[in-house]
Amino acid sequence: MSETIEGRSTAPLTPAAVQAWLVEKVAHKLGVPPSDVDPDQYFDEFDLDSTEALVLSGELENWLGFELETTALWYHPTIAELSRHIVERQAEQHAA
């Protein structure tokens, strides 16, 4: 069992774990079951308004414990792609 600090895991993240977190949050914001959220769908197709997107981004950064670059969603426009990118970023930070 991994430890947590302020709601985030101290264990290395996996793409599956990040994807599950994002799917759950997007589903909650849309009011649909997580099974209705396609991780390969583009973020802009989820019909989140700008406030919801900003809140989701802030919650994600709090959960991760680090800030994402402002272009992250542009270059990684799906939950699946962003999840892989986040795990790569975390690995780079731990290696530094």
PDB file of N, CA and C in Angstrom:
ATOM      1  N   MET A   1       0.855  -1.180   0.000  1.00  0.00           N
ATOM      2  CA  MET A   1       0.000   0.000   0.000  1.00  0.00           C
ATOM      3  C   MET A   1       0.900   1.241   0.000  1.00  0.00           C
ATOM      4  N   SER A   2       0.602   2.172  -0.889  1.00  0.00           N
ATOM      5  CA  SER A   2       1.440   3.365  -0.968  1.00  0.00           C
ATOM      6  C   SER A   2       0.984   4.405   0.041  1.00  0.00           C
ATOM      7  N   GLU A   3       1.926   5.192   0.488  1.00  0.00           N
ATOM      8  CA  GLU A   3       1.607   6.277   1.412  1.00  0.00           C
ATOM      9  C   GLU A   3       1.104   7.465   0.606  1.00  0.00           C
ATOM     10  N   THR A   4       0.397   8.349   1.302  1.00  0.00           N
ATOM     11  CA  THR A   4      -0.065   9.564   0.641  1.00  0.00           C
ATOM     12  C   THR A   4       0.361  10.771   1.437  1.00  0.00           C
ATOM     13  N   ILE A   5       0.567  11.855   0.736  1.00  0.00           N
ATOM     14  CA  ILE A   5       0.867  13.144   1.339  1.00  0.00           C
ATOM     15  C   ILE A   5      -0.152  14.121   0.769  1.00  0.00           C
ATOM     16  N   GLU A   6      -0.952  14.729   1.650  1.00  0.00           N
ATOM     17  CA  GLU A   6      -1.951  15.711   1.224  1.00  0.00           C
ATOM     18  C   GLU A   6      -2.780  15.193   0.058  1.00  0.00           C
ATOM     19  N   GLY A   7      -3.216  13.916   0.121  1.00  0.00           N
ATOM     20  CA  GLY A   7      -4.095  13.370  -0.894  1.00  0.00           C
ATOM     21  C   GLY A   7      -3.417  12.840  -2.135  1.00  0.00           C
ATOM     22  N   ARG A   8      -2.107  12.894  -2.204  1.00  0.00           N
ATOM     23  CA  ARG A   8      -1.443  12.369  -3.400  1.00  0.00           C
ATOM     24  C   ARG A   8      -0.528  11.220  -3.009  1.00  0.00           C
ATOM     25  N   SER A   9      -0.330  10.341  -3.941  1.00  0.00           N
ATOM     26  CA  SER A   9       0.477   9.161  -3.697  1.00  0.00           C
ATOM     27  C   SER A   9       1.952   9.516  -3.711  1.00  0.00           C
ATOM     28  N   THR A  10       2.714   8.870  -2.838  1.00  0.00           N
ATOM     29  CA  THR A  10       4.160   9.070  -2.837  1.00  0.00           C
ATOM     30  C   THR A  10       4.842   8.018  -3.704  1.00  0.00           C
ATOM     31  N   ALA A  11       4.085   7.015  -4.152  1.00  0.00           N
ATOM     32  CA  ALA A  11       4.637   5.971  -5.017  1.00  0.00           C
ATOM     33  C   ALA A  11       4.725   6.496  -6.449  1.00  0.00           C
ATOM     34  N   PRO A  12       5.632   5.935  -7.246  1.00  0.00           N
ATOM     35  CA  PRO A  12       5.682   6.345  -8.650  1.00  0.00           C
ATOM     36  C   PRO A  12       4.343   6.070  -9.334  1.00  0.00           C
ATOM     37  N   LEU A  13       3.930   6.989 -10.159  1.00  0.00           N
ATOM     38  CA  LEU A  13       2.664   6.858 -10.866  1.00  0.00           C
ATOM     39  C   LEU A  13       2.809   5.941 -12.068  1.00  0.00           C
ATOM     40  N   THR A  14       1.698   5.354 -12.455  1.00  0.00           N
ATOM     41  CA  THR A  14       1.633   4.583 -13.690  1.00  0.00           C
ATOM     42  C   THR A  14       0.655   5.279 -14.621  1.00  0.00           C
ATOM     43  N   PRO A  15       0.786   5.071 -15.925  1.00  0.00           N
ATOM     44  CA  PRO A  15      -0.206   5.661 -16.832  1.00  0.00           C
ATOM     45  C   PRO A  15      -1.626   5.219 -16.487  1.00  0.00           C
ATOM     46  N   ALA A  16      -1.794   3.960 -16.076  1.00  0.00           N
ATOM     47  CA  ALA A  16      -3.132   3.460 -15.738  1.00  0.00           C
ATOM     48  C   ALA A  16      -3.708   4.193 -14.526  1.00  0.00           C
ATOM     49  N   ALA A  17      -2.877   4.471 -13.525  1.00  0.00           N
ATOM     50  CA  ALA A  17      -3.349   5.165 -12.326  1.00  0.00           C
ATOM     51  C   ALA A  17      -3.745   6.605 -12.647  1.00  0.00           C
ATOM     52  N   VAL A  18      -2.933   7.285 -13.431  1.00  0.00           N
ATOM     53  CA  VAL A  18      -3.247   8.674 -13.802  1.00  0.00           C
ATOM     54  C   VAL A  18      -4.503   8.689 -14.662  1.00  0.00           C
ATOM     55  N   GLN A  19      -4.587   7.759 -15.596  1.00  0.00           N
ATOM     56  CA  GLN A  19      -5.756   7.694 -16.467  1.00  0.00           C
ATOM     57  C   GLN A  19      -7.020   7.442 -15.652  1.00  0.00           C
ATOM     58  N   ALA A  20      -6.966   6.533 -14.700  1.00  0.00           N
ATOM     59  CA  ALA A  20      -8.130   6.239 -13.862  1.00  0.00           C
ATOM     60  C   ALA A  20      -8.552   7.477 -13.078  1.00  0.00           C
ATOM     61  N   TRP A  21      -7.570   8.222 -12.538  1.00  0.00           N
ATOM     62  CA  TRP A  21      -7.875   9.442 -11.784  1.00  0.00           C
ATOM     63  C   TRP A  21      -8.566  10.451 -12.694  1.00  0.00           C
ATOM     64  N   LEU A  22      -8.000  10.668 -13.886  1.00  0.00           N
ATOM     65  CA  LEU A  22      -8.578  11.641 -14.811  1.00  0.00           C
ATOM     66  C   LEU A  22      -9.967  11.225 -15.281  1.00  0.00           C
ATOM     67  N   VAL A  23     -10.144   9.953 -15.600  1.00  0.00           N
ATOM     68  CA  VAL A  23     -11.456   9.468 -16.039  1.00  0.00           C
ATOM     69  C   VAL A  23     -12.493   9.700 -14.947  1.00  0.00           C
ATOM     70  N   GLU A  24     -12.135   9.379 -13.712  1.00  0.00           N
ATOM     71  CA  GLU A  24     -13.066   9.571 -12.590  1.00  0.00           C
ATOM     72  C   GLU A  24     -13.448  11.043 -12.438  1.00  0.00           C
ATOM     73  N   LYS A  25     -12.458  11.931 -12.512  1.00  0.00           N
ATOM     74  CA  LYS A  25     -12.733  13.365 -12.343  1.00  0.00           C
ATOM     75  C   LYS A  25     -13.582  13.913 -13.488  1.00  0.00           C
ATOM     76  N   VAL A  26     -13.249  13.543 -14.718  1.00  0.00           N
ATOM     77  CA  VAL A  26     -14.023  14.029 -15.867  1.00  0.00           C
ATOM     78  C   VAL A  26     -15.448  13.485 -15.794  1.00  0.00           C
ATOM     79  N   ALA A  27     -15.601  12.222 -15.453  1.00  0.00           N
ATOM     80  CA  ALA A  27     -16.932  11.627 -15.339  1.00  0.00           C
ATOM     81  C   ALA A  27     -17.756  12.368 -14.285  1.00  0.00           C
ATOM     82  N   HIS A  28     -17.134  12.653 -13.148  1.00  0.00           N
ATOM     83  CA  HIS A  28     -17.833  13.376 -12.079  1.00  0.00           C
ATOM     84  C   HIS A  28     -18.284  14.755 -12.564  1.00  0.00           C
ATOM     85  N   LYS A  29     -17.394  15.473 -13.239  1.00  0.00           N
ATOM     86  CA  LYS A  29     -17.727  16.817 -13.706  1.00  0.00           C
ATOM     87  C   LYS A  29     -18.828  16.790 -14.777  1.00  0.00           C
ATOM     88  N   LEU A  30     -18.863  15.706 -15.563  1.00  0.00           N
ATOM     89  CA  LEU A  30     -19.880  15.589 -16.609  1.00  0.00           C
ATOM     90  C   LEU A  30     -21.173  14.948 -16.098  1.00  0.00           C
ATOM     91  N   GLY A  31     -21.108  14.354 -14.904  1.00  0.00           N
ATOM     92  CA  GLY A  31     -22.286  13.689 -14.361  1.00  0.00           C
ATOM     93  C   GLY A  31     -22.611  12.386 -15.068  1.00  0.00           C
ATOM     94  N   VAL A  32     -21.573  11.673 -15.489  1.00  0.00           N
ATOM     95  CA  VAL A  32     -21.755  10.393 -16.174  1.00  0.00           C
ATOM     96  C   VAL A  32     -20.915   9.325 -15.478  1.00  0.00           C
ATOM     97  N   PRO A  33     -21.200   8.046 -15.713  1.00  0.00           N
ATOM     98  CA  PRO A  33     -20.354   7.005 -15.135  1.00  0.00           C
ATOM     99  C   PRO A  33     -18.977   7.002 -15.811  1.00  0.00           C
ATOM    100  N   PRO A  34     -17.942   6.614 -15.084  1.00  0.00           N
ATOM    101  CA  PRO A  34     -16.596   6.574 -15.674  1.00  0.00           C
ATOM    102  C   PRO A  34     -16.523   5.737 -16.950  1.00  0.00           C
ATOM    103  N   SER A  35     -17.357   4.723 -17.054  1.00  0.00           N
ATOM    104  CA  SER A  35     -17.339   3.883 -18.257  1.00  0.00           C
ATOM    105  C   SER A  35     -17.761   4.655 -19.509  1.00  0.00           C
ATOM    106  N   ASP A  36     -18.406   5.810 -19.334  1.00  0.00           N
ATOM    107  CA  ASP A  36     -18.813   6.640 -20.469  1.00  0.00           C
ATOM    108  C   ASP A  36     -17.716   7.597 -20.934  1.00  0.00           C
ATOM    109  N   VAL A  37     -16.604   7.651 -20.215  1.00  0.00           N
ATOM    110  CA  VAL A  37     -15.510   8.562 -20.570  1.00  0.00           C
ATOM    111  C   VAL A  37     -14.457   7.783 -21.351  1.00  0.00           C
ATOM    112  N   ASP A  38     -14.282   8.160 -22.613  1.00  0.00           N
ATOM    113  CA  ASP A  38     -13.305   7.505 -23.486  1.00  0.00           C
ATOM    114  C   ASP A  38     -11.948   8.184 -23.306  1.00  0.00           C
ATOM    115  N   PRO A  39     -10.930   7.449 -22.809  1.00  0.00           N
ATOM    116  CA  PRO A  39      -9.625   8.073 -22.583  1.00  0.00           C
ATOM    117  C   PRO A  39      -8.919   8.510 -23.869  1.00  0.00           C
ATOM    118  N   ASP A  40      -9.422   8.071 -25.014  1.00  0.00           N
ATOM    119  CA  ASP A  40      -8.833   8.481 -26.289  1.00  0.00           C
ATOM    120  C   ASP A  40      -9.597   9.622 -26.956  1.00  0.00           C
ATOM    121  N   GLN A  41     -10.617  10.135 -26.264  1.00  0.00           N
ATOM    122  CA  GLN A  41     -11.385  11.274 -26.766  1.00  0.00           C
ATOM    123  C   GLN A  41     -10.627  12.560 -26.441  1.00  0.00           C
ATOM    124  N   TYR A  42     -10.670  13.519 -27.355  1.00  0.00           N
ATOM    125  CA  TYR A  42     -10.004  14.795 -27.121  1.00  0.00           C
ATOM    126  C   TYR A  42     -10.688  15.553 -25.981  1.00  0.00           C
ATOM    127  N   PHE A  43      -9.882  16.217 -25.155  1.00  0.00           N
ATOM    128  CA  PHE A  43     -10.427  16.973 -24.027  1.00  0.00           C
ATOM    129  C   PHE A  43     -11.492  17.964 -24.467  1.00  0.00           C
ATOM    130  N   ASP A  44     -11.270  18.646 -25.584  1.00  0.00           N
ATOM    131  CA  ASP A  44     -12.235  19.660 -25.997  1.00  0.00           C
ATOM    132  C   ASP A  44     -13.577  19.067 -26.430  1.00  0.00           C
ATOM    133  N   GLU A  45     -13.644  17.757 -26.601  1.00  0.00           N
ATOM    134  CA  GLU A  45     -14.900  17.097 -26.954  1.00  0.00           C
ATOM    135  C   GLU A  45     -15.734  16.730 -25.718  1.00  0.00           C
ATOM    136  N   PHE A  46     -15.196  16.928 -24.527  1.00  0.00           N
ATOM    137  CA  PHE A  46     -15.922  16.602 -23.301  1.00  0.00           C
ATOM    138  C   PHE A  46     -16.898  17.698 -22.876  1.00  0.00           C
ATOM    139  N   ASP A  47     -16.888  18.831 -23.550  1.00  0.00           N
ATOM    140  CA  ASP A  47     -17.800  19.933 -23.241  1.00  0.00           C
ATOM    141  C   ASP A  47     -17.646  20.462 -21.823  1.00  0.00           C
ATOM    142  N   LEU A  48     -16.424  20.478 -21.323  1.00  0.00           N
ATOM    143  CA  LEU A  48     -16.155  21.141 -20.046  1.00  0.00           C
ATOM    144  C   LEU A  48     -16.008  22.625 -20.324  1.00  0.00           C
ATOM    145  N   ASP A  49     -16.620  23.456 -19.496  1.00  0.00           N
ATOM    146  CA  ASP A  49     -16.411  24.885 -19.701  1.00  0.00           C
ATOM    147  C   ASP A  49     -15.040  25.273 -19.153  1.00  0.00           C
ATOM    148  N   SER A  50     -14.629  26.495 -19.407  1.00  0.00           N
ATOM    149  CA  SER A  50     -13.271  26.912 -19.045  1.00  0.00           C
ATOM    150  C   SER A  50     -13.038  26.856 -17.540  1.00  0.00           C
ATOM    151  N   THR A  51     -14.069  27.177 -16.755  1.00  0.00           N
ATOM    152  CA  THR A  51     -13.920  27.109 -15.301  1.00  0.00           C
ATOM    153  C   THR A  51     -13.713  25.670 -14.848  1.00  0.00           C
ATOM    154  N   GLU A  52     -14.495  24.745 -15.395  1.00  0.00           N
ATOM    155  CA  GLU A  52     -14.351  23.335 -15.034  1.00  0.00           C
ATOM    156  C   GLU A  52     -12.973  22.804 -15.434  1.00  0.00           C
ATOM    157  N   ALA A  53     -12.502  23.220 -16.594  1.00  0.00           N
ATOM    158  CA  ALA A  53     -11.184  22.788 -17.057  1.00  0.00           C
ATOM    159  C   ALA A  53     -10.074  23.306 -16.143  1.00  0.00           C
ATOM    160  N   LEU A  54     -10.197  24.566 -15.713  1.00  0.00           N
ATOM    161  CA  LEU A  54      -9.205  25.136 -14.795  1.00  0.00           C
ATOM    162  C   LEU A  54      -9.221  24.440 -13.444  1.00  0.00           C
ATOM    163  N   VAL A  55     -10.412  24.150 -12.942  1.00  0.00           N
ATOM    164  CA  VAL A  55     -10.532  23.445 -11.669  1.00  0.00           C
ATOM    165  C   VAL A  55      -9.922  22.054 -11.792  1.00  0.00           C
ATOM    166  N   LEU A  56     -10.221  21.353 -12.880  1.00  0.00           N
ATOM    167  CA  LEU A  56      -9.661  20.019 -13.105  1.00  0.00           C
ATOM    168  C   LEU A  56      -8.135  20.075 -13.167  1.00  0.00           C
ATOM    169  N   SER A  57      -7.607  21.057 -13.859  1.00  0.00           N
ATOM    170  CA  SER A  57      -6.157  21.219 -13.956  1.00  0.00           C
ATOM    171  C   SER A  57      -5.531  21.452 -12.590  1.00  0.00           C
ATOM    172  N   GLY A  58      -6.163  22.307 -11.791  1.00  0.00           N
ATOM    173  CA  GLY A  58      -5.656  22.579 -10.444  1.00  0.00           C
ATOM    174  C   GLY A  58      -5.715  21.355  -9.549  1.00  0.00           C
ATOM    175  N   GLU A  59      -6.824  20.601  -9.632  1.00  0.00           N
ATOM    176  CA  GLU A  59      -6.940  19.375  -8.843  1.00  0.00           C
ATOM    177  C   GLU A  59      -5.875  18.366  -9.257  1.00  0.00           C
ATOM    178  N   LEU A  60      -5.632  18.272 -10.560  1.00  0.00           N
ATOM    179  CA  LEU A  60      -4.612  17.350 -11.067  1.00  0.00           C
ATOM    180  C   LEU A  60      -3.238  17.740 -10.554  1.00  0.00           C
ATOM    181  N   GLU A  61      -2.885  19.002 -10.630  1.00  0.00           N
ATOM    182  CA  GLU A  61      -1.582  19.453 -10.144  1.00  0.00           C
ATOM    183  C   GLU A  61      -1.441  19.232  -8.646  1.00  0.00           C
ATOM    184  N   ASN A  62      -2.514  19.446  -7.887  1.00  0.00           N
ATOM    185  CA  ASN A  62      -2.470  19.175  -6.445  1.00  0.00           C
ATOM    186  C   ASN A  62      -2.242  17.695  -6.187  1.00  0.00           C
ATOM    187  N   TRP A  63      -2.929  16.853  -6.931  1.00  0.00           N
ATOM    188  CA  TRP A  63      -2.786  15.408  -6.770  1.00  0.00           C
ATOM    189  C   TRP A  63      -1.380  14.949  -7.153  1.00  0.00           C
ATOM    190  N   LEU A  64      -0.851  15.533  -8.220  1.00  0.00           N
ATOM    191  CA  LEU A  64       0.478  15.146  -8.696  1.00  0.00           C
ATOM    192  C   LEU A  64       1.593  15.682  -7.804  1.00  0.00           C
ATOM    193  N   GLY A  65       1.389  16.877  -7.270  1.00  0.00           N
ATOM    194  CA  GLY A  65       2.433  17.506  -6.484  1.00  0.00           C
ATOM    195  C   GLY A  65       3.413  18.304  -7.315  1.00  0.00           C
ATOM    196  N   PHE A  66       3.088  18.531  -8.575  1.00  0.00           N
ATOM    197  CA  PHE A  66       3.913  19.397  -9.429  1.00  0.00           C
ATOM    198  C   PHE A  66       3.034  20.027 -10.502  1.00  0.00           C
ATOM    199  N   GLU A  67       3.515  21.152 -11.038  1.00  0.00           N
ATOM    200  CA  GLU A  67       2.764  21.868 -12.063  1.00  0.00           C
ATOM    201  C   GLU A  67       3.057  21.282 -13.433  1.00  0.00           C
ATOM    202  N   LEU A  68       2.025  21.271 -14.256  1.00  0.00           N
ATOM    203  CA  LEU A  68       2.189  20.872 -15.653  1.00  0.00           C
ATOM    204  C   LEU A  68       2.476  22.119 -16.483  1.00  0.00           C
ATOM    205  N   GLU A  69       3.207  21.945 -17.548  1.00  0.00           N
ATOM    206  CA  GLU A  69       3.442  23.072 -18.440  1.00  0.00           C
ATOM    207  C   GLU A  69       2.111  23.494 -19.063  1.00  0.00           C
ATOM    208  N   THR A  70       1.980  24.767 -19.380  1.00  0.00           N
ATOM    209  CA  THR A  70       0.715  25.295 -19.892  1.00  0.00           C
ATOM    210  C   THR A  70       0.328  24.678 -21.229  1.00  0.00           C
ATOM    211  N   THR A  71       1.269  24.112 -21.958  1.00  0.00           N
ATOM    212  CA  THR A  71       0.993  23.506 -23.259  1.00  0.00           C
ATOM    213  C   THR A  71       0.693  22.005 -23.168  1.00  0.00           C
ATOM    214  N   ALA A  72       0.631  21.464 -21.966  1.00  0.00           N
ATOM    215  CA  ALA A  72       0.466  20.008 -21.800  1.00  0.00           C
ATOM    216  C   ALA A  72      -0.778  19.485 -22.514  1.00  0.00           C
ATOM    217  N   LEU A  73      -1.899  20.160 -22.356  1.00  0.00           N
ATOM    218  CA  LEU A  73      -3.124  19.683 -22.994  1.00  0.00           C
ATOM    219  C   LEU A  73      -3.116  19.896 -24.502  1.00  0.00           C
ATOM    220  N   TRP A  74      -2.325  20.843 -24.968  1.00  0.00           N
ATOM    221  CA  TRP A  74      -2.211  21.072 -26.412  1.00  0.00           C
ATOM    222  C   TRP A  74      -1.430  19.933 -27.060  1.00  0.00           C
ATOM    223  N   TYR A  75      -0.310  19.564 -26.460  1.00  0.00           N
ATOM    224  CA  TYR A  75       0.539  18.516 -27.016  1.00  0.00           C
ATOM    225  C   TYR A  75       0.097  17.110 -26.633  1.00  0.00           C
ATOM    226  N   HIS A  76      -0.733  16.983 -25.610  1.00  0.00           N
ATOM    227  CA  HIS A  76      -1.215  15.677 -25.122  1.00  0.00           C
ATOM    228  C   HIS A  76      -2.729  15.801 -24.921  1.00  0.00           C
ATOM    229  N   PRO A  77      -3.506  15.857 -26.019  1.00  0.00           N
ATOM    230  CA  PRO A  77      -4.903  16.271 -25.961  1.00  0.00           C
ATOM    231  C   PRO A  77      -5.931  15.219 -25.544  1.00  0.00           C
ATOM    232  N   THR A  78      -5.483  14.045 -25.114  1.00  0.00           N
ATOM    233  CA  THR A  78      -6.425  13.045 -24.625  1.00  0.00           C
ATOM    234  C   THR A  78      -6.004  12.597 -23.225  1.00  0.00           C
ATOM    235  N   ILE A  79      -6.915  11.970 -22.512  1.00  0.00           N
ATOM    236  CA  ILE A  79      -6.587  11.467 -21.179  1.00  0.00           C
ATOM    237  C   ILE A  79      -5.450  10.453 -21.276  1.00  0.00           C
ATOM    238  N   ALA A  80      -5.510   9.568 -22.264  1.00  0.00           N
ATOM    239  CA  ALA A  80      -4.476   8.534 -22.413  1.00  0.00           C
ATOM    240  C   ALA A  80      -3.106   9.154 -22.676  1.00  0.00           C
ATOM    241  N   GLU A  81      -3.045  10.122 -23.597  1.00  0.00           N
ATOM    242  CA  GLU A  81      -1.771  10.762 -23.924  1.00  0.00           C
ATOM    243  C   GLU A  81      -1.239  11.578 -22.751  1.00  0.00           C
ATOM    244  N   LEU A  82      -2.109  12.328 -22.101  1.00  0.00           N
ATOM    245  CA  LEU A  82      -1.682  13.145 -20.964  1.00  0.00           C
ATOM    246  C   LEU A  82      -1.199  12.254 -19.824  1.00  0.00           C
ATOM    247  N   SER A  83      -1.845  11.128 -19.611  1.00  0.00           N
ATOM    248  CA  SER A  83      -1.438  10.200 -18.545  1.00  0.00           C
ATOM    249  C   SER A  83      -0.015   9.702 -18.766  1.00  0.00           C
ATOM    250  N   ARG A  84       0.298   9.325 -19.996  1.00  0.00           N
ATOM    251  CA  ARG A  84       1.665   8.868 -20.308  1.00  0.00           C
ATOM    252  C   ARG A  84       2.674  10.005 -20.118  1.00  0.00           C
ATOM    253  N   HIS A  85       2.301  11.203 -20.543  1.00  0.00           N
ATOM    254  CA  HIS A  85       3.191  12.362 -20.401  1.00  0.00           C
ATOM    255  C   HIS A  85       3.467  12.659 -18.925  1.00  0.00           C
ATOM    256  N   ILE A  86       2.444  12.590 -18.099  1.00  0.00           N
ATOM    257  CA  ILE A  86       2.606  12.877 -16.673  1.00  0.00           C
ATOM    258  C   ILE A  86       3.569  11.890 -16.031  1.00  0.00           C
ATOM    259  N   VAL A  87       3.448  10.624 -16.367  1.00  0.00           N
ATOM    260  CA  VAL A  87       4.347   9.608 -15.804  1.00  0.00           C
ATOM    261  C   VAL A  87       5.786   9.873 -16.251  1.00  0.00           C
ATOM    262  N   GLU A  88       5.971  10.263 -17.506  1.00  0.00           N
ATOM    263  CA  GLU A  88       7.311  10.618 -17.994  1.00  0.00           C
ATOM    264  C   GLU A  88       7.864  11.816 -17.240  1.00  0.00           C
ATOM    265  N   ARG A  89       7.027  12.835 -17.019  1.00  0.00           N
ATOM    266  CA  ARG A  89       7.461  14.032 -16.268  1.00  0.00           C
ATOM    267  C   ARG A  89       7.863  13.674 -14.850  1.00  0.00           C
ATOM    268  N   GLN A  90       7.072  12.822 -14.194  1.00  0.00           N
ATOM    269  CA  GLN A  90       7.374  12.427 -12.835  1.00  0.00           C
ATOM    270  C   GLN A  90       8.720  11.690 -12.799  1.00  0.00           C
ATOM    271  N   ALA A  91       8.947  10.808 -13.763  1.00  0.00           N
ATOM    272  CA  ALA A  91      10.205  10.061 -13.813  1.00  0.00           C
ATOM    273  C   ALA A  91      11.390  11.010 -14.002  1.00  0.00           C
ATOM    274  N   GLU A  92      11.213  12.026 -14.862  1.00  0.00           N
ATOM    275  CA  GLU A  92      12.274  13.020 -15.074  1.00  0.00           C
ATOM    276  C   GLU A  92      12.561  13.788 -13.795  1.00  0.00           C
ATOM    277  N   GLN A  93      11.518  14.159 -13.053  1.00  0.00           N
ATOM    278  CA  GLN A  93      11.716  14.913 -11.810  1.00  0.00           C
ATOM    279  C   GLN A  93      12.426  14.076 -10.764  1.00  0.00           C
ATOM    280  N   HIS A  94      12.104  12.796 -10.690  1.00  0.00           N
ATOM    281  CA  HIS A  94      12.764  11.930  -9.695  1.00  0.00           C
ATOM    282  C   HIS A  94      14.214  11.635 -10.089  1.00  0.00           C
ATOM    283  N   ALA A  95      14.498  11.682 -11.391  1.00  0.00           N
ATOM    284  CA  ALA A  95      15.857  11.406 -11.857  1.00  0.00           C
ATOM    285  C   ALA A  95      16.762  12.623 -11.663  1.00  0.00           C
ATOM    286  N   ALA A  96      16.160  13.796 -11.604  1.00  0.00           N
ATOM    287  CA  ALA A  96      16.946  15.041 -11.490  1.00  0.00           C
ATOM    288  C   ALA A  96      17.507  15.240 -10.094  1.00  0.00           C
TER     289      ALA A  96
END
